[in-house]
Amino acid sequence: MNTLEQKNVETVTAFIEDIANQSILEKTDQFFATQIAQAFTDRHYTLDEILVQGEKVIARIFMTGTHTGNFAGNAATNKAVKVTQFREFRVVEGKITEHRGWFDTATLLPQIQAK
């Protein structure tokens, strides 16, 4: 891995460990992020794997938490969950310029016994 790629990995890792775990994303107007924040108030994100190629960084992240609020029409169950997220970033000159995320609801919903 070259120095640019190492710096891009460091930028994304800091984003996940600092920004995501401090709930800064939920202060945006993104509906899904807000819904996760309300349903899993004790959520924590852990970086599992990271791949980098130039400006593109892809991260596999585990979110763990307790289902303590409404999620997708499902009332709180107080069940512990572990869900995979994939996030794709574009890092230019040390700054994240693009960010997309995919959340594995197919494994989440059975964990909260969704109807």
C-alpha atoms as a PDB file:
ATOM      1  CA  MET A   1       0.000   0.000   0.000  1.00  0.00           C
ATOM      2  CA  ASN A   2       1.451   3.363  -0.972  1.00  0.00           C
ATOM      3  CA  THR A   3       1.526   6.415   1.278  1.00  0.00           C
ATOM      4  CA  LEU A   4      -1.535   8.061  -0.344  1.00  0.00           C
ATOM      5  CA  GLU A   5      -3.589   4.915   0.174  1.00  0.00           C
ATOM      6  CA  GLN A   6      -2.399   4.633   3.791  1.00  0.00           C
ATOM      7  CA  LYS A   7      -3.505   8.228   4.429  1.00  0.00           C
ATOM      8  CA  ASN A   8      -6.878   7.529   2.829  1.00  0.00           C
ATOM      9  CA  VAL A   9      -7.349   4.490   5.082  1.00  0.00           C
ATOM     10  CA  GLU A  10      -6.445   6.633   8.115  1.00  0.00           C
ATOM     11  CA  THR A  11      -8.985   9.295   7.082  1.00  0.00           C
ATOM     12  CA  VAL A  12     -11.796   6.752   6.706  1.00  0.00           C
ATOM     13  CA  THR A  13     -10.847   4.909   9.893  1.00  0.00           C
ATOM     14  CA  ALA A  14     -10.951   8.180  11.859  1.00  0.00           C
ATOM     15  CA  PHE A  15     -14.335   8.980  10.332  1.00  0.00           C
ATOM     16  CA  ILE A  16     -15.778   5.630  11.389  1.00  0.00           C
ATOM     17  CA  GLU A  17     -14.216   5.512  14.835  1.00  0.00           C
ATOM     18  CA  ASP A  18     -14.746   9.159  15.734  1.00  0.00           C
ATOM     19  CA  ILE A  19     -17.595  10.609  13.679  1.00  0.00           C
ATOM     20  CA  ALA A  20     -19.907   7.583  13.482  1.00  0.00           C
ATOM     21  CA  ASN A  21     -19.454   6.563  17.107  1.00  0.00           C
ATOM     22  CA  GLN A  22     -20.120  10.132  18.284  1.00  0.00           C
ATOM     23  CA  SER A  23     -23.460  10.167  16.417  1.00  0.00           C
ATOM     24  CA  ILE A  24     -22.482  13.136  14.268  1.00  0.00           C
ATOM     25  CA  LEU A  25     -24.024  11.515  11.177  1.00  0.00           C
ATOM     26  CA  GLU A  26     -27.421  11.441  12.852  1.00  0.00           C
ATOM     27  CA  LYS A  27     -27.370  15.236  13.105  1.00  0.00           C
ATOM     28  CA  THR A  28     -27.804  15.398   9.330  1.00  0.00           C
ATOM     29  CA  ASP A  29     -31.201  15.196   7.698  1.00  0.00           C
ATOM     30  CA  GLN A  30     -30.671  11.657   6.403  1.00  0.00           C
ATOM     31  CA  PHE A  31     -33.863   9.762   7.259  1.00  0.00           C
ATOM     32  CA  PHE A  32     -32.308   6.321   7.564  1.00  0.00           C
ATOM     33  CA  ALA A  33     -29.437   7.520   9.779  1.00  0.00           C
ATOM     34  CA  THR A  34     -31.948   9.252  12.072  1.00  0.00           C
ATOM     35  CA  GLN A  35     -34.124   6.140  12.224  1.00  0.00           C
ATOM     36  CA  ILE A  36     -31.137   3.969  13.230  1.00  0.00           C
ATOM     37  CA  ALA A  37     -30.148   6.515  15.879  1.00  0.00           C
ATOM     38  CA  GLN A  38     -33.610   6.445  17.426  1.00  0.00           C
ATOM     39  CA  ALA A  39     -33.946   2.654  17.307  1.00  0.00           C
ATOM     40  CA  PHE A  40     -30.454   1.713  18.516  1.00  0.00           C
ATOM     41  CA  THR A  41     -29.428   4.413  20.981  1.00  0.00           C
ATOM     42  CA  ASP A  42     -26.424   2.474  22.296  1.00  0.00           C
ATOM     43  CA  ARG A  43     -25.103   1.549  18.840  1.00  0.00           C
ATOM     44  CA  HIS A  44     -21.393   1.198  18.282  1.00  0.00           C
ATOM     45  CA  TYR A  45     -19.510   0.871  14.994  1.00  0.00           C
ATOM     46  CA  THR A  46     -16.446  -1.346  14.589  1.00  0.00           C
ATOM     47  CA  LEU A  47     -14.311  -1.418  11.477  1.00  0.00           C
ATOM     48  CA  ASP A  48     -13.922  -5.037  10.357  1.00  0.00           C
ATOM     49  CA  GLU A  49     -12.206  -4.774   6.984  1.00  0.00           C
ATOM     50  CA  ILE A  50     -11.013  -1.997   4.737  1.00  0.00           C
ATOM     51  CA  LEU A  51      -9.978  -2.061   1.087  1.00  0.00           C
ATOM     52  CA  VAL A  52      -8.334   0.822  -0.733  1.00  0.00           C
ATOM     53  CA  GLN A  53      -7.476   1.556  -4.320  1.00  0.00           C
ATOM     54  CA  GLY A  54      -6.273   5.086  -4.882  1.00  0.00           C
ATOM     55  CA  GLU A  55      -9.033   7.524  -3.891  1.00  0.00           C
ATOM     56  CA  LYS A  56     -11.620   4.782  -3.326  1.00  0.00           C
ATOM     57  CA  VAL A  57     -11.931   3.201   0.115  1.00  0.00           C
ATOM     58  CA  ILE A  58     -14.467   0.495   0.945  1.00  0.00           C
ATOM     59  CA  ALA A  59     -15.107  -0.466   4.541  1.00  0.00           C
ATOM     60  CA  ARG A  60     -17.030  -3.346   6.079  1.00  0.00           C
ATOM     61  CA  ILE A  61     -18.321  -2.236   9.441  1.00  0.00           C
ATOM     62  CA  PHE A  62     -20.241  -4.007  12.184  1.00  0.00           C
ATOM     63  CA  MET A  63     -22.879  -2.104  14.085  1.00  0.00           C
ATOM     64  CA  THR A  64     -23.836  -3.557  17.432  1.00  0.00           C
ATOM     65  CA  GLY A  65     -26.552  -2.240  19.682  1.00  0.00           C
ATOM     66  CA  THR A  66     -29.836  -2.853  21.433  1.00  0.00           C
ATOM     67  CA  HIS A  67     -33.201  -2.369  19.738  1.00  0.00           C
ATOM     68  CA  THR A  68     -34.668   0.219  22.113  1.00  0.00           C
ATOM     69  CA  GLY A  69     -36.862   2.235  19.741  1.00  0.00           C
ATOM     70  CA  ASN A  70     -39.087   1.945  16.691  1.00  0.00           C
ATOM     71  CA  PHE A  71     -37.352   0.731  13.527  1.00  0.00           C
ATOM     72  CA  ALA A  72     -39.130   0.334  10.185  1.00  0.00           C
ATOM     73  CA  GLY A  73     -42.477   0.061  11.933  1.00  0.00           C
ATOM     74  CA  ASN A  74     -41.215  -2.467  14.490  1.00  0.00           C
ATOM     75  CA  ALA A  75     -41.544  -1.552  18.156  1.00  0.00           C
ATOM     76  CA  ALA A  76     -38.562  -1.926  20.495  1.00  0.00           C
ATOM     77  CA  THR A  77     -37.711  -5.504  21.466  1.00  0.00           C
ATOM     78  CA  ASN A  78     -34.624  -4.811  23.631  1.00  0.00           C
ATOM     79  CA  LYS A  79     -32.797  -7.473  21.620  1.00  0.00           C
ATOM     80  CA  ALA A  80     -29.076  -7.174  20.947  1.00  0.00           C
ATOM     81  CA  VAL A  81     -28.161  -6.928  17.271  1.00  0.00           C
ATOM     82  CA  LYS A  82     -25.064  -7.170  15.115  1.00  0.00           C
ATOM     83  CA  VAL A  83     -25.434  -5.850  11.589  1.00  0.00           C
ATOM     84  CA  THR A  84     -23.038  -5.441   8.700  1.00  0.00           C
ATOM     85  CA  GLN A  85     -22.675  -2.153   6.863  1.00  0.00           C
ATOM     86  CA  PHE A  86     -20.649  -1.447   3.774  1.00  0.00           C
ATOM     87  CA  ARG A  87     -19.496   2.081   3.107  1.00  0.00           C
ATOM     88  CA  GLU A  88     -17.759   3.423   0.057  1.00  0.00           C
ATOM     89  CA  PHE A  89     -15.711   6.602   0.305  1.00  0.00           C
ATOM     90  CA  ARG A  90     -13.828   8.798  -2.114  1.00  0.00           C
ATOM     91  CA  VAL A  91     -10.956  10.610  -0.406  1.00  0.00           C
ATOM     92  CA  VAL A  92      -9.305  13.546  -2.158  1.00  0.00           C
ATOM     93  CA  GLU A  93      -6.431  15.441  -0.565  1.00  0.00           C
ATOM     94  CA  GLY A  94      -7.213  14.001   2.859  1.00  0.00           C
ATOM     95  CA  LYS A  95     -10.935  14.854   2.773  1.00  0.00           C
ATOM     96  CA  ILE A  96     -13.922  12.602   2.218  1.00  0.00           C
ATOM     97  CA  THR A  97     -15.645  13.984  -0.880  1.00  0.00           C
ATOM     98  CA  GLU A  98     -18.162  11.183  -1.437  1.00  0.00           C
ATOM     99  CA  HIS A  99     -19.764   8.688   0.904  1.00  0.00           C
ATOM    100  CA  ARG A 100     -22.318   5.952   0.247  1.00  0.00           C
ATOM    101  CA  GLY A 101     -23.559   3.307   2.605  1.00  0.00           C
ATOM    102  CA  TRP A 102     -25.404   0.002   2.470  1.00  0.00           C
ATOM    103  CA  PHE A 103     -27.012  -1.452   5.571  1.00  0.00           C
ATOM    104  CA  ASP A 104     -27.852  -5.179   5.737  1.00  0.00           C
ATOM    105  CA  THR A 105     -31.474  -5.060   6.853  1.00  0.00           C
ATOM    106  CA  ALA A 106     -31.912  -8.697   5.737  1.00  0.00           C
ATOM    107  CA  THR A 107     -29.885  -9.795   8.781  1.00  0.00           C
ATOM    108  CA  LEU A 108     -31.176  -7.040  11.070  1.00  0.00           C
ATOM    109  CA  LEU A 109     -34.913  -7.638  10.777  1.00  0.00           C
ATOM    110  CA  PRO A 110     -34.833 -11.309  11.911  1.00  0.00           C
ATOM    111  CA  GLN A 111     -32.700 -10.281  14.911  1.00  0.00           C
ATOM    112  CA  ILE A 112     -35.440  -7.924  16.111  1.00  0.00           C
ATOM    113  CA  GLN A 113     -38.130 -10.414  15.078  1.00  0.00           C
ATOM    114  CA  ALA A 114     -39.625  -7.962  12.633  1.00  0.00           C
ATOM    115  CA  LYS A 115     -43.118  -8.641  11.327  1.00  0.00           C
END
